[in-house]
Amino acid sequence: MLKHKGFPGRLPGTDFQFVLRRASPKGATRLVPRDRFQDRRAADRAADEGFLWALWRHFGAAPFERGNLDAGRLSWLFGREVVPAGDSFDPESYDALLRIDIDRARASFPDVFD
C-alpha cells in the first residue's frame, strides 16, 4: 500500500479521517458510490469539501493511486467527483488509479478551486 506523504491525516479540528495507518490483512475496503442527500449534516459536507481540497492540492488533475486514502471518505466522492482513471479499475485494490473529475467537482464544490 502506497502511503501518500504530506497528505493530511484528517480534517483539522475533527475526527473525520482521510488516510489509513496500515493496510488491512483482509485487503482494501471496496469503494462504492454513496448517496449524498440534501439533509446531511454541515460537518459531513465540510469533511467532503476538505477531503476534495486535499486531493486537489496534493494530486491536481493527474491520476493518483488509492494507496492509504480512506475508503469511507473516498466513497462519499466516488462516482461523481472522484472517478476511476482507467478501464481496468479494481474497487478492492490499494493500487487502483483514480482521478478527479474536475468539471463535476467544480460544480459540487466551487470553493475548492478558487
Protein backbone atom coordinates (compact mmCIF):
# COMPACT_ATOMS: atom_id res chain seq x y z
CA MET A 1 0.00 0.00 0.00
CA LEU A 2 1.38 3.35 -1.07
CA LYS A 3 1.44 5.95 1.71
CA HIS A 4 0.83 9.47 0.45
CA LYS A 5 3.44 11.51 2.32
CA GLY A 6 2.30 15.01 3.16
CA PHE A 7 -1.40 14.24 2.71
CA PRO A 8 -3.46 15.43 5.71
CA GLY A 9 -4.46 12.63 8.07
CA ARG A 10 -7.82 14.14 8.97
CA LEU A 11 -9.93 17.26 8.72
CA PRO A 12 -8.39 19.73 11.19
CA GLY A 13 -10.33 20.02 14.44
CA THR A 14 -12.46 16.92 13.76
CA ASP A 15 -12.32 13.14 13.82
CA PHE A 16 -13.01 12.83 10.08
CA GLN A 17 -10.21 10.53 8.90
CA PHE A 18 -8.57 10.97 5.48
CA VAL A 19 -5.84 8.27 5.50
CA LEU A 20 -5.15 4.82 6.95
CA ARG A 21 -2.13 3.97 9.06
CA ARG A 22 -1.65 0.46 7.75
CA ALA A 23 -3.07 -1.94 5.16
CA SER A 24 -5.72 -4.39 6.27
CA PRO A 25 -4.63 -8.04 6.13
CA LYS A 26 -8.05 -8.79 4.58
CA GLY A 27 -7.39 -6.37 1.70
CA ALA A 28 -8.70 -2.95 0.77
CA THR A 29 -12.26 -1.97 1.57
CA ARG A 30 -14.38 -1.85 -1.59
CA LEU A 31 -15.10 1.63 -2.98
CA VAL A 32 -18.81 2.13 -3.57
CA PRO A 33 -20.62 5.35 -4.51
CA ARG A 34 -22.59 6.67 -1.53
CA ASP A 35 -25.66 8.84 -1.93
CA ARG A 36 -25.32 12.37 -0.57
CA PHE A 37 -28.68 13.76 0.45
CA GLN A 38 -29.57 17.42 0.98
CA ASP A 39 -30.15 16.91 4.70
CA ARG A 40 -26.58 15.79 5.51
CA ARG A 41 -25.00 17.48 8.49
CA ALA A 42 -22.84 20.54 7.84
CA ALA A 43 -19.85 18.75 9.38
CA ASP A 44 -20.19 15.89 6.87
CA ARG A 45 -20.36 18.33 3.97
CA ALA A 46 -17.29 20.15 5.34
CA ALA A 47 -15.42 16.84 5.53
CA ASP A 48 -16.24 16.09 1.88
CA GLU A 49 -15.08 19.54 0.83
CA GLY A 50 -11.91 19.32 2.95
CA PHE A 51 -11.05 15.91 1.53
CA LEU A 52 -11.58 17.08 -2.05
CA TRP A 53 -9.47 20.18 -1.30
CA ALA A 54 -6.66 17.92 -0.03
CA LEU A 55 -6.92 15.68 -3.12
CA TRP A 56 -6.83 18.69 -5.43
CA ARG A 57 -3.84 20.30 -3.66
CA HIS A 58 -1.92 17.02 -3.46
CA PHE A 59 -2.63 15.47 -6.88
CA GLY A 60 -4.26 18.11 -9.08
CA ALA A 61 -5.68 16.77 -12.34
CA ALA A 62 -3.20 13.87 -12.51
CA PRO A 63 -4.29 10.28 -11.85
CA PHE A 64 -3.37 9.03 -8.39
CA GLU A 65 -3.09 5.69 -6.65
CA ARG A 66 -5.66 4.94 -3.96
CA GLY A 67 -2.95 3.80 -1.54
CA ASN A 68 -3.70 4.71 2.07
CA LEU A 69 -6.61 7.06 1.32
CA ASP A 70 -9.63 6.21 3.49
CA ALA A 71 -12.24 4.16 1.60
CA GLY A 72 -15.14 5.60 3.58
CA ARG A 73 -14.20 9.17 2.80
CA LEU A 74 -13.41 8.32 -0.86
CA SER A 75 -16.78 6.61 -1.24
CA TRP A 76 -18.64 9.87 -0.49
CA LEU A 77 -16.97 11.36 -3.61
CA PHE A 78 -16.56 8.19 -5.69
CA GLY A 79 -18.53 8.01 -8.94
CA ARG A 80 -19.04 11.78 -9.04
CA GLU A 81 -16.07 13.99 -8.15
CA VAL A 82 -13.56 11.10 -7.99
CA VAL A 83 -13.70 8.54 -10.80
CA PRO A 84 -11.60 5.58 -11.99
CA ALA A 85 -8.61 6.68 -14.08
CA GLY A 86 -8.66 3.66 -16.38
CA ASP A 87 -10.70 0.77 -17.73
CA SER A 88 -9.13 -1.93 -15.54
CA PHE A 89 -10.30 -0.48 -12.24
CA ASP A 90 -10.46 -2.75 -9.19
CA PRO A 91 -12.54 -1.15 -6.38
CA GLU A 92 -10.92 -3.51 -3.83
CA SER A 93 -7.28 -2.70 -4.61
CA TYR A 94 -4.90 -0.31 -2.90
CA ASP A 95 -3.20 0.04 -6.32
CA ALA A 96 -6.35 1.29 -8.10
CA LEU A 97 -5.87 4.52 -10.06
CA LEU A 98 -8.33 7.36 -9.54
CA ARG A 99 -8.64 10.92 -10.81
CA ILE A 100 -10.68 14.00 -10.02
CA ASP A 101 -13.47 14.78 -12.49
CA ILE A 102 -12.74 18.50 -12.43
CA ASP A 103 -15.99 19.65 -14.06
CA ARG A 104 -18.22 17.75 -11.62
CA ALA A 105 -16.03 18.63 -8.65
CA ARG A 106 -16.08 22.31 -9.55
CA ALA A 107 -19.88 22.21 -9.84
CA SER A 108 -20.26 20.47 -6.44
CA PHE A 109 -17.51 22.26 -4.51
CA PRO A 110 -16.70 25.59 -6.22
CA ASP A 111 -14.72 26.95 -3.22
CA VAL A 112 -12.10 24.20 -3.57
CA PHE A 113 -10.97 25.54 -6.94
CA ASP A 114 -10.64 29.27 -6.11
